[in-house]
């Protein structure tokens, strides 16, 4: 169930080990072809960010603006303990050297997977965030995902209101959709 940048890894894995995959269910996932489709560059992070994490600047950023790093969900969905742990994890991972290194490997990983697509026999369900942005040539995130799944036998694209972390706030609805989708194969 790839989310965000792990969509690139899922594309590699589903092509390398198709017999180990029953389905791909993506949550606002980045797929390798998005860079070309939208004529964008992969993100990069300055390496010095990995060096500042141990001195506490990331903790300071999270503590000053926790709503940017904590789950956006209905009151009571997460316990106070869950929220405290999420805040601590966010402060730790925000700019740690591994996150910086992974972001800076994204271009190489995209290049390794750019010519891959979902195998036609693998069912794919993608949850996308409703986004009204349209490029000058009429492209949207929905039209991009449609190009990625159009040739598949079993596919579904679900567009939901929300933010990049749909699973924080739309988990009940998404669970039902996932269960219904899995029941079709």
N, C-alpha and C. Protein backbone atom coordinates (compact mmCIF):
# COMPACT_ATOMS: atom_id res chain seq x y z
N UNK A 1 0.86 -1.17 0.00
CA UNK A 1 0.00 0.00 0.00
C UNK A 1 0.90 1.23 0.00
N UNK A 2 1.41 1.60 -1.16
CA UNK A 2 2.31 2.75 -1.23
C UNK A 2 1.60 4.08 -1.00
N UNK A 3 2.31 4.95 -0.32
CA UNK A 3 1.86 6.32 -0.10
C UNK A 3 3.01 7.23 -0.48
N UNK A 4 2.70 8.31 -1.15
CA UNK A 4 3.69 9.33 -1.47
C UNK A 4 4.81 8.73 -2.31
N UNK A 5 6.05 9.04 -1.95
CA UNK A 5 7.21 8.61 -2.73
C UNK A 5 7.40 7.11 -2.82
N UNK A 6 6.79 6.36 -1.91
CA UNK A 6 6.95 4.90 -1.98
C UNK A 6 6.25 4.31 -3.20
N UNK A 7 5.44 5.10 -3.90
CA UNK A 7 4.86 4.64 -5.15
C UNK A 7 5.92 4.25 -6.17
N UNK A 8 7.04 4.96 -6.14
CA UNK A 8 8.15 4.63 -7.05
C UNK A 8 8.70 3.25 -6.72
N UNK A 9 8.86 2.96 -5.44
CA UNK A 9 9.37 1.65 -5.03
C UNK A 9 8.36 0.56 -5.36
N UNK A 10 7.07 0.86 -5.21
CA UNK A 10 6.06 -0.15 -5.51
C UNK A 10 6.07 -0.50 -7.00
N UNK A 11 6.34 0.47 -7.86
CA UNK A 11 6.40 0.20 -9.29
C UNK A 11 7.55 -0.76 -9.60
N UNK A 12 8.67 -0.54 -8.94
CA UNK A 12 9.81 -1.45 -9.12
C UNK A 12 9.45 -2.84 -8.62
N UNK A 13 8.91 -2.91 -7.42
CA UNK A 13 8.62 -4.19 -6.79
C UNK A 13 7.58 -4.99 -7.58
N UNK A 14 6.53 -4.34 -8.04
CA UNK A 14 5.47 -5.04 -8.76
C UNK A 14 5.97 -5.57 -10.10
N UNK A 15 6.97 -4.93 -10.67
CA UNK A 15 7.56 -5.42 -11.92
C UNK A 15 8.62 -6.49 -11.67
N UNK A 16 9.34 -6.36 -10.60
CA UNK A 16 10.41 -7.33 -10.28
C UNK A 16 9.84 -8.62 -9.68
N UNK A 17 8.80 -8.52 -8.88
CA UNK A 17 8.24 -9.68 -8.18
C UNK A 17 6.72 -9.78 -8.38
N UNK A 18 6.24 -9.83 -9.62
CA UNK A 18 4.79 -9.82 -9.84
C UNK A 18 4.05 -11.01 -9.21
N UNK A 19 4.72 -12.12 -9.05
CA UNK A 19 4.06 -13.29 -8.45
C UNK A 19 3.86 -13.15 -6.95
N UNK A 20 4.48 -12.15 -6.34
CA UNK A 20 4.33 -11.93 -4.91
C UNK A 20 3.29 -10.85 -4.59
N UNK A 21 2.70 -10.29 -5.62
CA UNK A 21 1.77 -9.17 -5.45
C UNK A 21 0.35 -9.61 -5.80
N UNK A 22 -0.58 -9.35 -4.91
CA UNK A 22 -2.00 -9.61 -5.19
C UNK A 22 -2.67 -8.37 -5.77
N UNK A 23 -2.24 -7.19 -5.33
CA UNK A 23 -2.81 -5.93 -5.80
C UNK A 23 -1.94 -4.79 -5.31
N UNK A 24 -2.10 -3.63 -5.94
CA UNK A 24 -1.45 -2.41 -5.47
C UNK A 24 -2.57 -1.44 -5.10
N UNK A 25 -2.48 -0.91 -3.88
CA UNK A 25 -3.46 0.08 -3.42
C UNK A 25 -2.66 1.30 -2.99
N UNK A 26 -2.68 2.33 -3.83
CA UNK A 26 -1.88 3.52 -3.59
C UNK A 26 -2.68 4.64 -2.95
N UNK A 27 -2.03 5.36 -2.06
CA UNK A 27 -2.64 6.52 -1.41
C UNK A 27 -1.84 7.75 -1.81
N UNK A 28 -2.41 8.53 -2.71
CA UNK A 28 -1.74 9.74 -3.21
C UNK A 28 -0.26 9.45 -3.47
N UNK A 29 -0.04 8.38 -4.23
CA UNK A 29 1.33 7.90 -4.44
C UNK A 29 1.99 8.58 -5.64
N UNK A 30 3.28 8.78 -5.51
CA UNK A 30 4.09 9.30 -6.59
C UNK A 30 4.47 8.14 -7.49
N UNK A 31 4.22 8.26 -8.75
CA UNK A 31 4.62 7.23 -9.70
C UNK A 31 5.69 7.80 -10.62
N UNK A 32 6.60 6.95 -11.10
CA UNK A 32 7.78 7.45 -11.83
C UNK A 32 7.46 8.35 -13.01
N UNK A 33 6.39 8.08 -13.72
CA UNK A 33 6.08 8.83 -14.93
C UNK A 33 5.53 10.24 -14.65
N UNK A 34 5.24 10.56 -13.41
CA UNK A 34 4.68 11.87 -13.08
C UNK A 34 5.63 13.01 -13.46
N UNK A 35 6.91 12.77 -13.32
CA UNK A 35 7.89 13.82 -13.60
C UNK A 35 7.81 14.24 -15.07
N UNK A 36 7.77 13.26 -15.94
CA UNK A 36 7.65 13.57 -17.37
C UNK A 36 6.27 14.12 -17.71
N UNK A 37 5.23 13.50 -17.16
CA UNK A 37 3.86 13.90 -17.46
C UNK A 37 3.63 15.38 -17.16
N UNK A 38 4.13 15.81 -16.01
CA UNK A 38 3.93 17.20 -15.60
C UNK A 38 5.12 18.09 -15.92
N UNK A 39 6.14 17.52 -16.58
CA UNK A 39 7.34 18.26 -16.95
C UNK A 39 7.94 18.99 -15.74
N UNK A 40 8.17 18.20 -14.68
CA UNK A 40 8.72 18.72 -13.43
C UNK A 40 10.04 18.04 -13.11
N UNK A 41 10.75 18.58 -12.18
CA UNK A 41 11.98 17.97 -11.69
C UNK A 41 11.69 17.25 -10.38
N UNK A 42 12.40 16.15 -10.13
CA UNK A 42 12.24 15.47 -8.83
C UNK A 42 12.72 16.39 -7.71
N UNK A 43 12.16 16.23 -6.52
CA UNK A 43 12.59 17.06 -5.40
C UNK A 43 14.00 16.71 -4.94
N UNK A 44 14.69 17.67 -4.40
CA UNK A 44 16.00 17.45 -3.78
C UNK A 44 16.02 18.21 -2.45
N UNK A 45 16.85 17.73 -1.55
CA UNK A 45 17.00 18.39 -0.26
C UNK A 45 18.48 18.70 -0.04
N UNK A 46 18.79 19.89 0.40
CA UNK A 46 20.19 20.18 0.70
C UNK A 46 20.74 19.21 1.74
N UNK A 47 21.93 18.68 1.51
CA UNK A 47 22.52 17.69 2.41
C UNK A 47 22.72 18.24 3.84
N UNK A 48 22.91 19.54 3.97
CA UNK A 48 23.13 20.08 5.31
C UNK A 48 21.93 19.87 6.22
N UNK A 49 20.74 19.66 5.64
CA UNK A 49 19.56 19.41 6.47
C UNK A 49 19.74 18.16 7.33
N UNK A 50 20.43 17.16 6.79
CA UNK A 50 20.69 15.94 7.55
C UNK A 50 21.59 16.19 8.74
N UNK A 51 22.40 17.22 8.67
CA UNK A 51 23.31 17.54 9.77
C UNK A 51 22.64 18.36 10.87
N UNK A 52 21.57 19.06 10.52
CA UNK A 52 20.95 19.92 11.54
C UNK A 52 19.94 19.18 12.42
N UNK A 53 19.48 18.01 11.96
CA UNK A 53 18.49 17.27 12.76
C UNK A 53 18.99 16.98 14.17
N UNK A 54 20.25 16.51 14.34
CA UNK A 54 20.70 16.19 15.70
C UNK A 54 20.78 17.39 16.65
N UNK A 55 20.84 18.59 16.12
CA UNK A 55 20.96 19.74 17.02
C UNK A 55 19.61 20.31 17.45
N UNK A 56 18.52 19.72 16.96
CA UNK A 56 17.22 20.08 17.48
C UNK A 56 16.40 21.07 16.68
N UNK A 57 16.87 21.49 15.53
CA UNK A 57 16.10 22.46 14.75
C UNK A 57 14.79 21.84 14.26
N UNK A 58 14.83 20.56 13.88
CA UNK A 58 13.59 19.90 13.44
C UNK A 58 12.60 19.82 14.59
N UNK A 59 13.08 19.49 15.79
CA UNK A 59 12.18 19.45 16.95
C UNK A 59 11.55 20.81 17.18
N UNK A 60 12.34 21.85 17.05
CA UNK A 60 11.84 23.20 17.22
C UNK A 60 10.75 23.51 16.20
N UNK A 61 10.99 23.15 14.94
CA UNK A 61 9.99 23.39 13.88
C UNK A 61 8.69 22.66 14.17
N UNK A 62 8.79 21.40 14.59
CA UNK A 62 7.59 20.62 14.90
C UNK A 62 6.87 21.20 16.11
N UNK A 63 7.61 21.59 17.14
CA UNK A 63 6.99 22.14 18.35
C UNK A 63 6.34 23.50 18.10
N UNK A 64 6.91 24.28 17.18
CA UNK A 64 6.35 25.59 16.88
C UNK A 64 5.09 25.49 16.01
N UNK A 65 4.98 24.44 15.22
CA UNK A 65 3.88 24.31 14.29
C UNK A 65 3.40 22.86 14.21
N UNK A 66 2.94 22.28 15.32
CA UNK A 66 2.61 20.85 15.34
C UNK A 66 1.49 20.46 14.38
N UNK A 67 0.58 21.39 14.08
CA UNK A 67 -0.52 21.01 13.19
C UNK A 67 -0.03 20.62 11.79
N UNK A 68 1.17 21.04 11.43
CA UNK A 68 1.74 20.65 10.13
C UNK A 68 2.24 19.21 10.15
N UNK A 69 2.44 18.66 11.32
CA UNK A 69 3.08 17.35 11.42
C UNK A 69 2.23 16.29 12.10
N UNK A 70 1.12 16.68 12.68
CA UNK A 70 0.27 15.73 13.38
C UNK A 70 -0.92 15.35 12.51
N UNK A 71 -1.47 14.16 12.73
CA UNK A 71 -2.60 13.72 11.92
C UNK A 71 -3.76 14.69 11.95
N UNK A 72 -4.29 14.97 10.80
CA UNK A 72 -5.49 15.79 10.70
C UNK A 72 -6.64 14.80 10.71
N UNK A 73 -7.32 14.71 11.82
CA UNK A 73 -8.39 13.73 11.98
C UNK A 73 -9.40 14.25 12.99
N UNK A 74 -10.53 13.59 13.04
CA UNK A 74 -11.56 13.95 14.00
C UNK A 74 -11.02 13.85 15.42
N UNK A 75 -11.50 14.73 16.29
CA UNK A 75 -11.13 14.71 17.70
C UNK A 75 -11.40 13.31 18.27
N UNK A 76 -10.45 12.77 19.00
CA UNK A 76 -10.62 11.47 19.63
C UNK A 76 -10.17 10.29 18.78
N UNK A 77 -9.83 10.54 17.50
CA UNK A 77 -9.36 9.45 16.64
C UNK A 77 -8.05 8.91 17.16
N UNK A 78 -7.17 9.80 17.58
CA UNK A 78 -5.87 9.42 18.11
C UNK A 78 -5.79 9.81 19.58
N UNK A 79 -5.22 8.94 20.39
CA UNK A 79 -5.05 9.24 21.81
C UNK A 79 -3.96 10.30 21.96
N UNK A 80 -3.91 10.92 23.13
CA UNK A 80 -2.85 11.89 23.41
C UNK A 80 -1.48 11.24 23.28
N UNK A 81 -1.38 9.98 23.72
CA UNK A 81 -0.12 9.25 23.61
C UNK A 81 0.27 9.06 22.15
N UNK A 82 -0.69 8.69 21.28
CA UNK A 82 -0.42 8.55 19.84
C UNK A 82 0.08 9.86 19.25
N UNK A 83 -0.57 10.95 19.62
CA UNK A 83 -0.17 12.26 19.09
C UNK A 83 1.22 12.65 19.57
N UNK A 84 1.53 12.38 20.83
CA UNK A 84 2.87 12.68 21.35
C UNK A 84 3.93 11.86 20.60
N UNK A 85 3.64 10.58 20.36
CA UNK A 85 4.59 9.74 19.62
C UNK A 85 4.76 10.23 18.19
N UNK A 86 3.66 10.61 17.54
CA UNK A 86 3.73 11.11 16.17
C UNK A 86 4.55 12.39 16.11
N UNK A 87 4.37 13.25 17.09
CA UNK A 87 5.14 14.49 17.13
C UNK A 87 6.63 14.19 17.29
N UNK A 88 6.97 13.26 18.17
CA UNK A 88 8.38 12.89 18.38
C UNK A 88 8.98 12.25 17.13
N UNK A 89 8.22 11.37 16.49
CA UNK A 89 8.71 10.73 15.27
C UNK A 89 8.89 11.76 14.17
N UNK A 90 7.95 12.67 14.04
CA UNK A 90 8.05 13.72 13.02
C UNK A 90 9.28 14.58 13.25
N UNK A 91 9.53 14.94 14.49
CA UNK A 91 10.70 15.76 14.81
C UNK A 91 11.98 15.00 14.48
N UNK A 92 11.99 13.70 14.72
CA UNK A 92 13.19 12.90 14.47
C UNK A 92 13.43 12.72 12.98
N UNK A 93 12.36 12.43 12.22
CA UNK A 93 12.54 12.07 10.81
C UNK A 93 12.53 13.27 9.86
N UNK A 94 12.07 14.40 10.32
CA UNK A 94 11.86 15.55 9.43
C UNK A 94 13.05 15.83 8.53
N UNK A 95 14.21 15.90 9.09
CA UNK A 95 15.41 16.18 8.27
C UNK A 95 16.55 15.25 8.62
N UNK A 96 16.27 14.03 9.07
CA UNK A 96 17.39 13.17 9.40
C UNK A 96 18.12 12.78 8.12
N UNK A 97 19.35 12.34 8.27
CA UNK A 97 20.21 12.11 7.11
C UNK A 97 19.64 11.06 6.15
N UNK A 98 18.88 10.10 6.67
CA UNK A 98 18.30 9.08 5.79
C UNK A 98 17.18 9.65 4.92
N UNK A 99 16.37 10.53 5.49
CA UNK A 99 15.31 11.17 4.71
C UNK A 99 15.91 12.05 3.63
N UNK A 100 16.95 12.80 3.97
CA UNK A 100 17.62 13.65 3.00
C UNK A 100 18.24 12.80 1.89
N UNK A 101 18.91 11.70 2.26
CA UNK A 101 19.52 10.82 1.27
C UNK A 101 18.46 10.21 0.36
N UNK A 102 17.34 9.78 0.94
CA UNK A 102 16.28 9.19 0.12
C UNK A 102 15.71 10.20 -0.87
N UNK A 103 15.47 11.40 -0.42
CA UNK A 103 14.95 12.44 -1.32
C UNK A 103 15.93 12.70 -2.46
N UNK A 104 17.20 12.67 -2.14
CA UNK A 104 18.21 12.96 -3.16
C UNK A 104 18.49 11.76 -4.07
N UNK A 105 17.97 10.60 -3.74
CA UNK A 105 18.05 9.42 -4.61
C UNK A 105 16.83 9.30 -5.51
N UNK A 106 15.83 10.13 -5.28
CA UNK A 106 14.58 9.99 -6.01
C UNK A 106 14.78 10.07 -7.52
N UNK A 107 15.60 10.97 -8.00
CA UNK A 107 15.81 11.08 -9.43
C UNK A 107 16.38 9.78 -10.00
N UNK A 108 17.35 9.20 -9.31
CA UNK A 108 17.92 7.92 -9.76
C UNK A 108 16.87 6.82 -9.74
N UNK A 109 16.06 6.79 -8.70
CA UNK A 109 15.02 5.77 -8.61
C UNK A 109 13.95 5.95 -9.68
N UNK A 110 13.64 7.18 -9.99
CA UNK A 110 12.70 7.45 -11.09
C UNK A 110 13.30 6.95 -12.40
N UNK A 111 14.57 7.25 -12.63
CA UNK A 111 15.21 6.81 -13.86
C UNK A 111 15.23 5.29 -14.00
N UNK A 112 15.34 4.58 -12.89
CA UNK A 112 15.33 3.11 -12.91
C UNK A 112 13.95 2.56 -13.22
N UNK A 113 12.92 3.31 -12.95
CA UNK A 113 11.55 2.80 -13.08
C UNK A 113 10.71 3.53 -14.12
N UNK A 114 11.26 4.51 -14.79
CA UNK A 114 10.50 5.38 -15.69
C UNK A 114 9.79 4.61 -16.80
N UNK A 115 10.38 3.52 -17.26
CA UNK A 115 9.78 2.75 -18.35
C UNK A 115 8.92 1.59 -17.85
N UNK A 116 8.69 1.52 -16.56
CA UNK A 116 7.85 0.47 -16.00
C UNK A 116 6.42 0.94 -15.89
N UNK A 117 5.52 -0.01 -15.97
CA UNK A 117 4.10 0.28 -15.75
C UNK A 117 3.52 -0.86 -14.94
N UNK A 118 2.32 -0.67 -14.46
CA UNK A 118 1.68 -1.74 -13.71
C UNK A 118 1.41 -2.91 -14.66
N UNK A 119 1.79 -4.13 -14.26
CA UNK A 119 1.47 -5.29 -15.09
C UNK A 119 -0.05 -5.41 -15.26
N UNK A 120 -0.53 -5.74 -16.47
CA UNK A 120 -1.97 -5.75 -16.74
C UNK A 120 -2.78 -6.68 -15.83
N UNK A 121 -2.17 -7.73 -15.30
CA UNK A 121 -2.92 -8.68 -14.48
C UNK A 121 -3.02 -8.28 -13.02
N UNK A 122 -2.29 -7.26 -12.61
CA UNK A 122 -2.28 -6.83 -11.21
C UNK A 122 -3.39 -5.80 -11.00
N UNK A 123 -4.34 -6.07 -10.09
CA UNK A 123 -5.37 -5.07 -9.78
C UNK A 123 -4.74 -3.85 -9.10
N UNK A 124 -5.21 -2.68 -9.47
CA UNK A 124 -4.67 -1.43 -8.90
C UNK A 124 -5.83 -0.52 -8.49
N UNK A 125 -5.75 -0.08 -7.24
CA UNK A 125 -6.68 0.91 -6.69
C UNK A 125 -5.84 2.10 -6.25
N UNK A 126 -6.20 3.27 -6.71
CA UNK A 126 -5.46 4.47 -6.32
C UNK A 126 -6.43 5.48 -5.70
N UNK A 127 -6.06 5.93 -4.51
CA UNK A 127 -6.76 7.03 -3.86
C UNK A 127 -6.00 8.30 -4.19
N UNK A 128 -6.70 9.28 -4.73
CA UNK A 128 -6.07 10.55 -5.09
C UNK A 128 -6.77 11.68 -4.33
N UNK A 129 -6.00 12.68 -4.01
CA UNK A 129 -6.54 13.87 -3.36
C UNK A 129 -7.20 14.74 -4.42
N UNK A 130 -8.43 15.17 -4.13
CA UNK A 130 -9.10 16.10 -5.06
C UNK A 130 -8.28 17.37 -5.12
N UNK A 131 -7.87 17.70 -6.32
CA UNK A 131 -7.02 18.87 -6.52
C UNK A 131 -7.51 19.57 -7.78
N UNK A 132 -7.82 20.84 -7.66
CA UNK A 132 -8.36 21.58 -8.79
C UNK A 132 -7.28 22.17 -9.69
N UNK A 133 -6.00 21.89 -9.38
CA UNK A 133 -4.92 22.43 -10.21
C UNK A 133 -4.94 21.78 -11.59
N UNK A 134 -4.86 22.63 -12.61
CA UNK A 134 -4.81 22.17 -13.99
C UNK A 134 -3.63 22.87 -14.66
N UNK A 135 -2.79 22.09 -15.33
CA UNK A 135 -1.65 22.69 -16.03
C UNK A 135 -2.16 23.44 -17.26
N UNK A 136 -1.28 24.22 -17.88
CA UNK A 136 -1.67 24.98 -19.07
C UNK A 136 -2.16 24.07 -20.19
N UNK A 137 -1.63 22.85 -20.23
CA UNK A 137 -2.05 21.92 -21.28
C UNK A 137 -3.17 20.98 -20.82
N UNK A 138 -3.85 21.34 -19.71
CA UNK A 138 -5.05 20.63 -19.28
C UNK A 138 -4.83 19.38 -18.45
N UNK A 139 -3.63 19.16 -17.96
CA UNK A 139 -3.34 17.96 -17.18
C UNK A 139 -3.66 18.17 -15.70
N UNK A 140 -4.18 17.10 -15.09
CA UNK A 140 -4.47 17.11 -13.65
C UNK A 140 -3.90 15.84 -13.05
N UNK A 141 -3.90 15.77 -11.74
CA UNK A 141 -3.44 14.54 -11.09
C UNK A 141 -4.37 13.39 -11.44
N UNK A 142 -5.65 13.66 -11.59
CA UNK A 142 -6.60 12.61 -11.97
C UNK A 142 -6.30 12.10 -13.38
N UNK A 143 -6.06 13.01 -14.32
CA UNK A 143 -5.75 12.56 -15.69
C UNK A 143 -4.43 11.79 -15.71
N UNK A 144 -3.49 12.16 -14.86
CA UNK A 144 -2.24 11.39 -14.78
C UNK A 144 -2.50 9.97 -14.31
N UNK A 145 -3.20 9.82 -13.19
CA UNK A 145 -3.48 8.48 -12.67
C UNK A 145 -4.28 7.66 -13.69
N UNK A 146 -5.18 8.30 -14.41
CA UNK A 146 -5.94 7.57 -15.42
C UNK A 146 -5.02 6.99 -16.49
N UNK A 147 -3.97 7.73 -16.87
CA UNK A 147 -3.03 7.19 -17.86
C UNK A 147 -2.28 5.99 -17.30
N UNK A 148 -2.09 5.96 -16.00
CA UNK A 148 -1.32 4.88 -15.39
C UNK A 148 -2.10 3.58 -15.25
N UNK A 149 -3.43 3.66 -15.20
CA UNK A 149 -4.22 2.46 -14.97
C UNK A 149 -5.13 2.09 -16.13
N UNK A 150 -5.12 2.87 -17.20
CA UNK A 150 -6.09 2.68 -18.28
C UNK A 150 -6.03 1.30 -18.92
N UNK A 151 -4.88 0.67 -18.99
CA UNK A 151 -4.75 -0.62 -19.67
C UNK A 151 -4.90 -1.82 -18.73
N UNK A 152 -5.24 -1.58 -17.50
CA UNK A 152 -5.34 -2.68 -16.54
C UNK A 152 -6.72 -3.33 -16.59
N UNK A 153 -6.75 -4.61 -16.29
CA UNK A 153 -8.02 -5.35 -16.26
C UNK A 153 -8.87 -4.94 -15.06
N UNK A 154 -8.22 -4.83 -13.91
CA UNK A 154 -8.93 -4.50 -12.68
C UNK A 154 -8.32 -3.23 -12.11
N UNK A 155 -9.10 -2.17 -12.12
CA UNK A 155 -8.57 -0.87 -11.70
C UNK A 155 -9.68 -0.02 -11.11
N UNK A 156 -9.25 0.89 -10.25
CA UNK A 156 -10.21 1.84 -9.68
C UNK A 156 -9.43 3.06 -9.23
N UNK A 157 -9.95 4.22 -9.54
CA UNK A 157 -9.39 5.49 -9.10
C UNK A 157 -10.46 6.17 -8.26
N UNK A 158 -10.11 6.48 -7.02
CA UNK A 158 -11.04 7.12 -6.09
C UNK A 158 -10.47 8.48 -5.72
N UNK A 159 -11.20 9.53 -6.01
CA UNK A 159 -10.77 10.89 -5.70
C UNK A 159 -11.52 11.35 -4.45
N UNK A 160 -10.76 11.76 -3.44
CA UNK A 160 -11.35 12.16 -2.16
C UNK A 160 -10.90 13.56 -1.76
N UNK A 161 -11.79 14.27 -1.11
CA UNK A 161 -11.43 15.56 -0.51
C UNK A 161 -10.48 15.26 0.65
N UNK A 162 -9.49 16.09 0.81
CA UNK A 162 -8.58 15.91 1.92
C UNK A 162 -7.20 16.44 1.61
N UNK A 163 -6.23 15.89 2.30
CA UNK A 163 -4.84 16.31 2.16
C UNK A 163 -4.01 15.09 1.80
N UNK A 164 -2.74 15.27 1.63
CA UNK A 164 -1.83 14.22 1.20
C UNK A 164 -1.92 12.97 2.08
N UNK A 165 -2.25 13.14 3.34
CA UNK A 165 -2.37 12.01 4.26
C UNK A 165 -3.84 11.61 4.40
N UNK A 166 -4.43 11.19 3.29
CA UNK A 166 -5.84 10.81 3.28
C UNK A 166 -6.17 9.76 4.34
N UNK A 167 -5.24 8.86 4.57
CA UNK A 167 -5.47 7.77 5.52
C UNK A 167 -5.60 8.27 6.96
N UNK A 168 -5.22 9.49 7.25
CA UNK A 168 -5.41 10.04 8.58
C UNK A 168 -6.87 10.42 8.80
N UNK A 169 -7.50 10.96 7.77
CA UNK A 169 -8.83 11.51 7.96
C UNK A 169 -9.94 10.74 7.25
N UNK A 170 -9.61 9.94 6.26
CA UNK A 170 -10.63 9.24 5.47
C UNK A 170 -10.52 7.73 5.61
N UNK A 171 -9.90 7.27 6.70
CA UNK A 171 -9.59 5.84 6.86
C UNK A 171 -10.82 4.94 6.87
N UNK A 172 -11.92 5.39 7.43
CA UNK A 172 -13.12 4.54 7.46
C UNK A 172 -13.66 4.30 6.05
N UNK A 173 -13.82 5.39 5.32
CA UNK A 173 -14.31 5.29 3.95
C UNK A 173 -13.33 4.49 3.08
N UNK A 174 -12.04 4.75 3.26
CA UNK A 174 -11.03 4.05 2.47
C UNK A 174 -11.03 2.55 2.79
N UNK A 175 -11.20 2.19 4.04
CA UNK A 175 -11.23 0.77 4.43
C UNK A 175 -12.36 0.04 3.71
N UNK A 176 -13.52 0.66 3.66
CA UNK A 176 -14.65 0.03 2.97
C UNK A 176 -14.34 -0.12 1.47
N UNK A 177 -13.80 0.91 0.86
CA UNK A 177 -13.48 0.86 -0.57
C UNK A 177 -12.43 -0.22 -0.84
N UNK A 178 -11.41 -0.30 0.01
CA UNK A 178 -10.38 -1.33 -0.15
C UNK A 178 -11.00 -2.72 -0.04
N UNK A 179 -11.80 -2.94 0.99
CA UNK A 179 -12.42 -4.25 1.16
C UNK A 179 -13.32 -4.62 -0.01
N UNK A 180 -14.10 -3.66 -0.50
CA UNK A 180 -14.95 -3.91 -1.66
C UNK A 180 -14.11 -4.24 -2.89
N UNK A 181 -13.01 -3.50 -3.08
CA UNK A 181 -12.13 -3.72 -4.24
C UNK A 181 -11.48 -5.10 -4.17
N UNK A 182 -10.96 -5.44 -3.00
CA UNK A 182 -10.32 -6.74 -2.84
C UNK A 182 -11.32 -7.88 -3.09
N UNK A 183 -12.57 -7.64 -2.75
CA UNK A 183 -13.60 -8.65 -2.97
C UNK A 183 -13.91 -8.92 -4.42
N UNK A 184 -13.39 -8.10 -5.33
CA UNK A 184 -13.67 -8.28 -6.76
C UNK A 184 -12.70 -9.23 -7.45
N UNK A 185 -11.66 -9.67 -6.74
CA UNK A 185 -10.70 -10.60 -7.37
C UNK A 185 -10.32 -11.72 -6.44
